[in-house]
Protein backbone atom coordinates (compact mmCIF):
# COMPACT_ATOMS: atom_id res chain seq x y z
CA UNK A 1 -19.68 19.83 -24.80
CA UNK A 2 -19.53 16.04 -24.56
CA UNK A 3 -19.74 15.68 -28.33
CA UNK A 4 -16.99 18.27 -28.84
CA UNK A 5 -14.71 16.49 -26.37
CA UNK A 6 -15.32 13.15 -28.07
CA UNK A 7 -14.68 14.69 -31.49
CA UNK A 8 -11.25 16.00 -30.43
CA UNK A 9 -10.35 13.20 -28.03
CA UNK A 10 -7.65 11.53 -30.13
CA UNK A 11 -6.05 14.85 -31.00
CA UNK A 12 -5.95 15.89 -27.34
CA UNK A 13 -4.40 12.58 -26.30
CA UNK A 14 -1.69 12.93 -28.94
CA UNK A 15 -0.94 16.43 -27.68
CA UNK A 16 -0.79 15.14 -24.11
CA UNK A 17 1.72 12.53 -25.25
CA UNK A 18 3.93 15.31 -26.63
CA UNK A 19 3.75 17.10 -23.28
CA UNK A 20 4.61 13.93 -21.35
CA UNK A 21 7.65 13.20 -23.52
CA UNK A 22 9.42 16.26 -22.09
CA UNK A 23 11.45 15.14 -19.04
CA UNK A 24 10.83 18.34 -17.06
CA UNK A 25 12.45 17.17 -13.82
CA UNK A 26 12.82 20.32 -11.74
CA UNK A 27 14.97 18.84 -8.97
CA UNK A 28 17.89 17.80 -11.21
CA UNK A 29 20.08 20.54 -12.68
CA UNK A 30 20.97 18.52 -15.78
CA UNK A 31 17.31 18.78 -16.88
CA UNK A 32 17.17 22.57 -16.72
CA UNK A 33 16.90 22.83 -20.52
CA UNK A 34 14.07 20.29 -20.62
CA UNK A 35 12.18 22.17 -17.90
CA UNK A 36 12.43 25.33 -20.00
CA UNK A 37 11.25 23.39 -23.07
CA UNK A 38 8.19 22.29 -21.09
CA UNK A 39 7.52 25.92 -20.09
CA UNK A 40 7.66 27.00 -23.74
CA UNK A 41 5.43 24.09 -24.77
CA UNK A 42 2.91 25.12 -22.10
CA UNK A 43 2.93 28.71 -23.35
CA UNK A 44 2.29 27.52 -26.92
CA UNK A 45 -0.63 25.39 -25.69
CA UNK A 46 -2.17 28.43 -23.99
CA UNK A 47 -1.81 30.48 -27.17
CA UNK A 48 -3.42 27.71 -29.19
CA UNK A 49 -6.30 27.69 -26.71
CA UNK A 50 -6.92 31.37 -27.44
CA UNK A 51 -5.35 32.86 -24.33
CA UNK A 52 -3.84 36.35 -24.52
CA UNK A 53 -0.86 38.04 -22.85
CA UNK A 54 0.90 34.67 -22.79
CA UNK A 55 4.33 34.99 -21.25
CA UNK A 56 7.18 32.79 -20.07
CA UNK A 57 8.26 34.62 -16.92
CA UNK A 58 11.82 34.28 -15.69
CA UNK A 59 12.59 33.57 -12.03
CA UNK A 60 15.80 32.75 -10.22
CA UNK A 61 14.86 29.13 -10.83
CA UNK A 62 12.57 27.59 -13.45
CA UNK A 63 10.14 29.78 -15.42
CA UNK A 64 6.50 30.56 -14.71
CA UNK A 65 3.96 30.64 -17.53
CA UNK A 66 1.09 33.14 -17.58
CA UNK A 67 -1.85 33.67 -19.92
CA UNK A 68 -5.34 35.16 -19.66
CA UNK A 69 -8.62 35.93 -21.40
CA UNK A 70 -10.40 38.90 -19.77
CA UNK A 71 -13.32 39.88 -22.00
CA UNK A 72 -16.30 38.91 -19.80
CA UNK A 73 -17.32 42.15 -18.06
CA UNK A 74 -19.26 41.75 -14.82
CA UNK A 75 -18.43 38.04 -14.73
CA UNK A 76 -16.20 36.26 -12.19
CA UNK A 77 -12.51 35.74 -12.79
CA UNK A 78 -11.05 32.27 -12.32
CA UNK A 79 -7.31 31.71 -11.84
CA UNK A 80 -6.18 28.24 -12.93
CA UNK A 81 -2.97 26.96 -11.35
CA UNK A 82 -0.96 23.88 -12.29
CA UNK A 83 2.63 22.72 -12.66
CA UNK A 84 4.53 21.35 -15.62
CA UNK A 85 7.49 19.98 -13.67
CA UNK A 86 7.67 16.33 -12.65
CA UNK A 87 9.40 14.02 -10.20
CA UNK A 88 12.54 12.07 -11.19
CA UNK A 89 11.79 8.73 -12.84
CA UNK A 90 13.90 6.64 -10.43
CA UNK A 91 13.94 3.71 -9.96
CA UNK A 92 13.81 3.22 -13.73
CA UNK A 93 14.10 -0.59 -13.56
CA UNK A 94 10.68 -0.78 -11.87
CA UNK A 95 8.90 0.86 -14.80
CA UNK A 96 7.16 -1.51 -17.23
CA UNK A 97 7.56 1.04 -20.04
CA UNK A 98 9.97 3.99 -20.54
CA UNK A 99 8.85 6.80 -18.19
CA UNK A 100 9.07 9.53 -20.82
CA UNK A 101 7.63 7.55 -23.73
CA UNK A 102 3.85 7.59 -23.11
CA UNK A 103 2.07 4.28 -23.62
CA UNK A 104 -1.68 3.63 -23.53
CA UNK A 105 -2.82 0.38 -21.91
CA UNK A 106 -6.30 -0.48 -20.64
CA UNK A 107 -7.51 3.06 -21.38
CA UNK A 108 -4.78 4.56 -19.17
CA UNK A 109 -1.82 6.64 -20.28
CA UNK A 110 1.47 5.65 -18.61
CA UNK A 111 4.27 8.22 -18.22
CA UNK A 112 5.93 10.36 -15.58
CA UNK A 113 3.71 13.41 -15.04
CA UNK A 114 0.58 11.74 -16.44
CA UNK A 115 -1.53 12.39 -13.33
CA UNK A 116 0.87 14.71 -11.46
CA UNK A 117 0.27 17.18 -12.95
CA UNK A 118 0.50 17.51 -16.73
CA UNK A 119 -2.59 15.44 -17.48
CA UNK A 120 -4.72 17.27 -14.93
CA UNK A 121 -3.41 20.71 -15.90
CA UNK A 122 -3.98 19.98 -19.60
CA UNK A 123 -7.67 19.36 -18.83
CA UNK A 124 -8.18 23.07 -18.13
CA UNK A 125 -6.24 24.23 -21.17
CA UNK A 126 -8.31 22.02 -23.43
CA UNK A 127 -11.58 23.03 -21.75
CA UNK A 128 -10.78 26.69 -22.48
CA UNK A 129 -9.80 25.81 -26.05
CA UNK A 130 -13.07 23.99 -26.74
CA UNK A 131 -15.19 26.78 -25.25
CA UNK A 132 -13.35 29.31 -27.41
CA UNK A 133 -13.87 27.16 -30.53
CA UNK A 134 -17.56 26.61 -29.84
CA UNK A 135 -18.53 30.11 -28.69
CA UNK A 136 -15.68 32.41 -29.71
CA UNK A 137 -15.46 33.50 -26.08
CA UNK A 138 -15.27 32.18 -22.54
CA UNK A 139 -18.24 32.43 -20.16
CA UNK A 140 -16.06 34.02 -17.45
CA UNK A 141 -12.66 35.68 -17.23
CA UNK A 142 -9.81 33.18 -16.95
CA UNK A 143 -6.17 33.51 -15.94
CA UNK A 144 -3.53 30.79 -15.93
CA UNK A 145 -0.42 30.72 -13.75
CA UNK A 146 1.65 27.58 -14.28
CA UNK A 147 4.95 26.84 -12.58
CA UNK A 148 7.92 24.54 -13.02
CA UNK A 149 8.97 24.17 -9.39
CA UNK A 150 6.07 22.54 -7.53
CA UNK A 151 8.06 19.35 -7.02
CA UNK A 152 10.77 21.38 -5.24
CA UNK A 153 8.32 23.25 -2.94
CA UNK A 154 7.61 26.29 -5.20
CA UNK A 155 10.41 28.55 -3.94
CA UNK A 156 9.72 31.37 -6.40
CA UNK A 157 5.96 31.25 -6.96
CA UNK A 158 5.06 32.48 -3.47
CA UNK A 159 7.06 35.71 -3.81
CA UNK A 160 5.66 36.18 -7.34
CA UNK A 161 2.09 35.96 -6.01
CA UNK A 162 2.91 38.48 -3.27
CA UNK A 163 4.43 40.90 -5.81
CA UNK A 164 1.71 40.46 -8.45
CA UNK A 165 -1.54 40.53 -6.49
CA UNK A 166 -3.30 42.79 -8.96
CA UNK A 167 -2.20 40.80 -12.00
CA UNK A 168 -3.39 37.56 -10.39
CA UNK A 169 -6.50 38.97 -8.67
CA UNK A 170 -9.48 36.66 -9.05
CA UNK A 171 -12.71 35.42 -7.50
CA UNK A 172 -11.54 31.82 -7.19
CA UNK A 173 -8.42 29.73 -7.72
CA UNK A 174 -8.87 26.35 -9.40
CA UNK A 175 -6.29 23.60 -8.98
CA UNK A 176 -6.39 20.06 -10.36
CA UNK A 177 -3.62 18.24 -8.52
CA UNK A 178 -5.62 15.95 -6.21
CA UNK A 179 -7.56 12.70 -6.52
CA UNK A 180 -11.00 11.16 -6.46
CA UNK A 181 -11.90 9.19 -3.32
CA UNK A 182 -12.44 6.10 -5.48
CA UNK A 183 -12.68 5.30 -9.18
CA UNK A 184 -16.31 6.35 -9.54
CA UNK A 185 -16.45 8.83 -6.68
CA UNK A 186 -15.44 12.43 -7.48
CA UNK A 187 -13.98 14.45 -4.64
CA UNK A 188 -13.23 18.08 -3.87
CA UNK A 189 -10.54 18.24 -1.23
CA UNK A 190 -11.36 20.90 1.38
CA UNK A 191 -8.29 20.81 3.59
CA UNK A 192 -4.57 20.15 3.27
CA UNK A 193 -2.19 19.67 6.14
CA UNK A 194 0.80 21.94 6.53
CA UNK A 195 4.33 20.59 6.46
CA UNK A 196 7.57 20.78 8.41
CA UNK A 197 10.67 18.75 7.55
CA UNK A 198 14.05 18.58 9.27
CA UNK A 199 17.10 16.43 9.89
CA UNK A 200 18.34 15.53 13.37
CA UNK A 201 22.03 14.70 13.75
CA UNK A 202 23.62 13.17 16.85
CA UNK A 203 27.40 13.19 17.39
CA UNK A 204 29.37 11.64 20.23
CA UNK A 205 33.11 10.86 20.01
CA UNK A 206 35.44 12.31 17.38
CA UNK A 207 35.77 8.94 15.68
CA UNK A 208 34.09 5.55 15.36
CA UNK A 209 35.52 3.37 18.14
CA UNK A 210 36.32 -0.34 18.55
CA UNK A 211 33.35 -1.91 20.33
CA UNK A 212 35.59 -4.31 22.22
CA UNK A 213 37.83 -1.59 23.58
CA UNK A 214 35.21 1.13 24.14
CA UNK A 215 31.79 -0.57 24.01
CA UNK A 216 29.81 -0.04 27.20
CA UNK A 217 32.08 2.79 28.30
CA UNK A 218 31.35 5.61 25.85
CA UNK A 219 28.10 7.05 24.41
CA UNK A 220 26.87 5.41 21.22
CA UNK A 221 25.45 7.88 18.65
CA UNK A 222 22.92 5.37 17.31
CA UNK A 223 21.71 4.49 20.82
CA UNK A 224 21.37 8.20 21.60
CA UNK A 225 19.44 8.87 18.39
CA UNK A 226 17.05 5.96 18.96
CA UNK A 227 16.41 7.13 22.51
CA UNK A 228 15.64 10.66 21.33
CA UNK A 229 13.35 9.45 18.54
CA UNK A 230 11.48 7.16 20.93
CA UNK A 231 10.81 10.13 23.23
CA UNK A 232 8.83 11.90 20.50
CA UNK A 233 5.70 9.73 20.93
CA UNK A 234 3.85 8.17 23.84
CA UNK A 235 2.38 4.67 23.96
CA UNK A 236 -0.97 5.96 22.62
CA UNK A 237 0.49 7.28 19.36
CA UNK A 238 0.33 10.89 20.52
CA UNK A 239 3.25 13.26 19.91
CA UNK A 240 4.99 13.88 23.26
CA UNK A 241 6.60 17.20 22.35
CA UNK A 242 5.33 19.91 24.69
CA UNK A 243 3.55 22.61 22.69
CA UNK A 244 3.20 20.48 19.56
CA UNK A 245 -0.62 20.56 19.67
CA UNK A 246 -0.86 24.32 20.15
CA UNK A 247 -3.40 25.56 17.60
CA UNK A 248 -4.88 22.13 16.82
CA UNK A 249 -8.69 22.44 16.90
CA UNK A 250 -10.94 19.79 18.35
CA UNK A 251 -12.85 18.34 15.39
CA UNK A 252 -16.53 19.27 15.28
CA UNK A 253 -19.19 16.62 14.86
CA UNK A 254 -19.98 18.05 11.42
CA UNK A 255 -16.33 17.71 10.38
CA UNK A 256 -16.14 14.14 11.70
CA UNK A 257 -19.30 13.26 9.73
CA UNK A 258 -17.79 14.76 6.55
CA UNK A 259 -14.62 12.70 7.08
CA UNK A 260 -16.60 9.54 7.82
CA UNK A 261 -18.58 9.94 4.58
CA UNK A 262 -15.44 9.16 2.56
CA UNK A 263 -15.37 5.38 1.89
CA UNK A 264 -12.70 3.42 3.75
CA UNK A 265 -12.26 -0.33 4.20
CA UNK A 266 -9.87 -1.05 7.08
CA UNK A 267 -9.49 -4.76 6.36
CA UNK A 268 -8.90 -4.18 2.66
CA UNK A 269 -6.31 -1.53 3.51
CA UNK A 270 -4.43 -3.91 5.80
CA UNK A 271 -4.54 -6.67 3.19
CA UNK A 272 -3.31 -4.34 0.47
CA UNK A 273 -0.44 -3.12 2.62
CA UNK A 274 0.27 -6.61 3.99
CA UNK A 275 0.23 -5.42 7.60
CA UNK A 276 -1.53 -6.89 10.63
CA UNK A 277 -2.64 -3.65 12.27
CA UNK A 278 -3.06 0.05 11.66
CA UNK A 279 -1.47 2.57 14.00
CA UNK A 280 -2.05 6.07 15.26
CA UNK A 281 -3.33 8.50 17.82
CA UNK A 282 -5.87 6.91 20.15
CA UNK A 283 -9.44 8.18 19.87
CA UNK A 284 -9.38 8.93 16.16
CA UNK A 285 -10.26 6.92 13.04
CA UNK A 286 -7.75 6.17 10.28
CA UNK A 287 -9.28 8.86 8.03
CA UNK A 288 -9.15 11.39 10.85
CA UNK A 289 -5.56 10.51 11.72
CA UNK A 290 -4.48 10.88 8.10
CA UNK A 291 -6.57 13.94 7.24
CA UNK A 292 -7.39 16.25 10.13
CA UNK A 293 -4.87 15.37 12.86
CA UNK A 294 -1.20 16.45 13.01
CA UNK A 295 1.62 13.93 12.78
CA UNK A 296 5.34 13.57 13.39
CA UNK A 297 6.99 10.85 11.31
CA UNK A 298 10.52 9.47 11.15
CA UNK A 299 11.32 9.22 7.43
CA UNK A 300 14.76 7.63 7.57
CA UNK A 301 17.66 6.78 9.85
CA UNK A 302 21.40 6.63 9.09
CA UNK A 303 24.22 5.71 11.42
CA UNK A 304 27.10 3.35 12.00
CA UNK A 305 28.32 0.71 9.57
CA UNK A 306 25.99 0.18 6.59
CA UNK A 307 28.03 -2.19 4.41
CA UNK A 308 27.85 -5.93 3.88
CA UNK A 309 28.85 -8.13 6.77
CA UNK A 310 29.76 -6.82 10.21
CA UNK A 311 31.99 -4.06 11.58
CA UNK A 312 32.02 -3.99 15.37
CA UNK A 313 32.16 -0.30 16.17
CA UNK A 314 30.64 2.25 18.51
CA UNK A 315 29.34 4.81 15.96
CA UNK A 316 30.31 8.45 16.39
CA UNK A 317 27.38 9.88 14.37
CA UNK A 318 23.79 9.09 13.47
CA UNK A 319 20.99 11.07 11.86
CA UNK A 320 17.27 10.90 11.19
CA UNK A 321 15.01 12.70 8.75
CA UNK A 322 11.74 13.85 10.34
CA UNK A 323 8.58 15.34 8.85
CA UNK A 324 5.44 16.75 10.45
CA UNK A 325 2.00 17.28 8.99
CA UNK A 326 0.20 20.21 10.60
CA UNK A 327 -3.43 21.28 10.93
CA UNK A 328 -5.60 24.15 12.10
CA UNK A 329 -3.61 27.09 13.43
CA UNK A 330 -0.38 25.20 14.03
CA UNK A 331 2.56 27.41 13.17
CA UNK A 332 5.44 25.50 11.51
CA UNK A 333 8.11 27.70 13.09
CA UNK A 334 6.56 27.36 16.54
CA UNK A 335 6.39 23.58 16.12
CA UNK A 336 10.03 23.50 15.05
CA UNK A 337 11.03 25.51 18.12
CA UNK A 338 9.06 23.17 20.39
CA UNK A 339 10.95 20.21 18.90
CA UNK A 340 14.23 22.05 19.48
CA UNK A 341 13.30 22.52 23.16
CA UNK A 342 12.28 18.87 23.45
CA UNK A 343 15.61 17.73 22.01
CA UNK A 344 17.56 19.88 24.50
CA UNK A 345 15.52 18.50 27.40
CA UNK A 346 15.83 14.84 26.33
CA UNK A 347 19.36 14.84 24.93
CA UNK A 348 21.21 11.74 26.21
CA UNK A 349 24.40 12.27 28.18
CA UNK A 350 27.50 12.64 26.03
CA UNK A 351 25.54 13.42 22.85
CA UNK A 352 25.66 16.61 20.80
CA UNK A 353 22.42 17.10 18.85
CA UNK A 354 21.68 19.49 15.99
CA UNK A 355 18.56 20.14 13.89
CA UNK A 356 18.40 21.49 10.35
CA UNK A 357 15.06 22.63 8.93
CA UNK A 358 14.30 22.03 5.23
CA UNK A 359 10.62 22.70 4.51
CA UNK A 360 7.77 24.50 6.22
CA UNK A 361 4.24 25.24 5.01
CA UNK A 362 1.06 26.36 6.73
CA UNK A 363 -2.07 24.17 6.78
CA UNK A 364 -5.14 25.32 4.88
CA UNK A 365 -8.87 24.56 5.10
CA UNK A 366 -11.72 25.56 2.78
CA UNK A 367 -15.45 25.83 3.51
CA UNK A 368 -17.19 23.10 1.53
CA UNK A 369 -20.33 25.28 1.38
CA UNK A 370 -18.56 28.12 -0.44
CA UNK A 371 -20.48 28.97 -3.63
CA UNK A 372 -17.45 28.41 -5.91
CA UNK A 373 -16.88 24.96 -4.38
CA UNK A 374 -20.56 24.11 -4.63
CA UNK A 375 -20.57 25.15 -8.31
CA UNK A 376 -17.70 22.71 -8.86
CA UNK A 377 -19.68 20.00 -7.07
CA UNK A 378 -22.61 20.64 -9.41
CA UNK A 379 -20.33 20.42 -12.47
CA UNK A 380 -19.00 17.04 -11.31
CA UNK A 381 -22.53 15.80 -10.68
CA UNK A 382 -23.68 16.91 -14.14
CA UNK A 383 -20.89 14.93 -15.83
CA UNK A 384 -20.28 11.96 -13.52
CA UNK A 385 -23.88 11.65 -12.21
CA UNK A 386 -22.44 11.37 -8.70
CA UNK A 387 -22.26 14.08 -6.06
CA UNK A 388 -18.62 14.61 -5.00
CA UNK A 389 -17.42 14.05 -1.46
CA UNK A 390 -15.33 16.59 0.45
CA UNK A 391 -12.31 14.70 1.82
CA UNK A 392 -9.56 16.11 4.00
CA UNK A 393 -6.19 15.30 2.45
CA UNK A 394 -3.23 14.39 4.59
CA UNK A 395 -0.70 15.74 2.11
CA UNK A 396 0.47 19.28 1.55
CA UNK A 397 0.37 21.64 -1.42
CA UNK A 398 2.09 24.64 0.20
CA UNK A 399 1.13 27.11 -2.50
CA UNK A 400 -2.60 26.60 -1.83
CA UNK A 401 -2.33 28.51 1.45
CA UNK A 402 -0.44 31.32 -0.29
CA UNK A 403 -3.07 31.70 -3.02
CA UNK A 404 -5.93 31.80 -0.53
CA UNK A 405 -4.24 34.21 1.89
CA UNK A 406 -2.67 36.67 -0.56
CA UNK A 407 -5.42 36.76 -3.20
CA UNK A 408 -8.23 36.43 -0.62
CA UNK A 409 -10.03 34.00 -2.91
CA UNK A 410 -11.45 30.53 -2.28
CA UNK A 411 -9.30 27.68 -3.61
CA UNK A 412 -11.23 24.93 -5.42
CA UNK A 413 -9.31 21.65 -5.57
CA UNK A 414 -10.95 19.96 -8.58
CA UNK A 415 -8.90 16.78 -8.76
CA UNK A 416 -9.32 14.21 -11.53
CA UNK A 417 -6.63 11.72 -10.52
CA UNK A 418 -7.04 8.47 -8.64
CA UNK A 419 -5.12 7.45 -5.52
CA UNK A 420 -4.02 4.28 -7.35
CA UNK A 421 -2.25 6.07 -10.22
CA UNK A 422 1.30 5.79 -8.82
CA UNK A 423 2.10 9.49 -8.66
CA UNK A 424 5.76 9.94 -7.65
CA UNK A 425 6.27 6.19 -8.25
CA UNK A 426 7.14 3.86 -11.13
CA UNK A 427 4.37 3.25 -13.69
CA UNK A 428 2.59 6.55 -13.04
CA UNK A 429 -0.55 6.74 -15.16
CA UNK A 430 -3.80 8.64 -15.73
CA UNK A 431 -7.21 7.21 -16.60
CA UNK A 432 -8.21 8.61 -19.99
CA UNK A 433 -11.89 8.46 -19.03
CA UNK A 434 -11.16 11.05 -16.34
CA UNK A 435 -9.08 13.05 -18.80
CA UNK A 436 -12.00 13.43 -21.21
CA UNK A 437 -14.69 13.76 -18.55
CA UNK A 438 -12.41 16.21 -16.79
CA UNK A 439 -12.38 18.49 -19.82
CA UNK A 440 -16.17 18.39 -19.90
CA UNK A 441 -16.38 19.05 -16.14
CA UNK A 442 -13.94 21.98 -16.25
CA UNK A 443 -15.89 23.56 -19.11
CA UNK A 444 -19.16 22.98 -17.29
CA UNK A 445 -17.73 24.66 -14.19
CA UNK A 446 -16.84 27.83 -16.07
CA UNK A 447 -20.28 27.91 -17.65
CA UNK A 448 -21.95 27.55 -14.23
CA UNK A 449 -19.97 30.46 -12.84
CA UNK A 450 -21.29 32.73 -15.58
């Protein structure tokens, strides 16, 4: 397979460039036509790879793309998931090259969507194409379901999975939308934290007030907000909300060893971030805090006068955006309700406080010893000559939990990105060595499953 990948390498890179030139930004309505163009391009790529029953499926948002090849009787069925939508390119002035005009530098391809997720998704399409060209068939049954709304929390894919269980039924779900632990260290992520996001708004008087006339005599919305936010954590970095830790398991020694096996340099991290100290819940390492423990973070604060210079007022309103990462059996709705109760109990005098929920997703964990995950580990080792690690990711891919629960199939997170590739940021890129080795690894995985 290595020779076949090398033979078609330049062609595949040129095709990837075409894919990356489509500004399929799902969150901005003015790009709706470009998102559809990316869906149609994806469908054409599946047809070219030899997939059958290829369809662009309408939703109330952006389209899904489906394709399959089901001619391997008595062999497993693998469902490949990916997304063709991308984040906005802002801030454009921080890009070294145009975000939707792919450029290759130092054996990396720079463009929005290069690593998240067009480059990684394209690996599986090309692996299927090469296997079909070489053998006229695939070693196992393969289905693809590709969406255009991952970057806006997949509002329509979840219901589609629920309504199409038989069509999507499989023995394992394969997703490439995660990263290696380091440049030469493959990784198969085996847990993802759940998510909960909300906005807290504090209101006091019916108008901003003159701080000379009213200051010290009326409640200040910013003061009230800061007081409330400060009440959410104790001095040891632990969330102070009663009930927040309901469902959080105590980590086993085996789990802590698996987390500790992932390389981490504390001093290098501090130097790279230009900070003096790390922070977090007492009694846990940085990797544990960011992978297997729940969090509550303040993402942004707004209130009072924000312009140049000074305006001496007592603000009438202030707000904060808050997000939680959840683990184990934490229930996002239950956590939200516990925060609501906390806010009512700690609301400063004279303040009216409201919460608005935006996102919720359940956490998910996979058994690293599952046979489908171990087959993926063997495929990585065959190609990269290094056994992958099994990190616990702090981020969330909400649809992973839905796939595993509804289809009752193990989810294999075969990432080929690197944590340094600026996903969601200016100068996003993808290492072409991992693109080509990824194609070989994905093909090897399907062959192992046969």
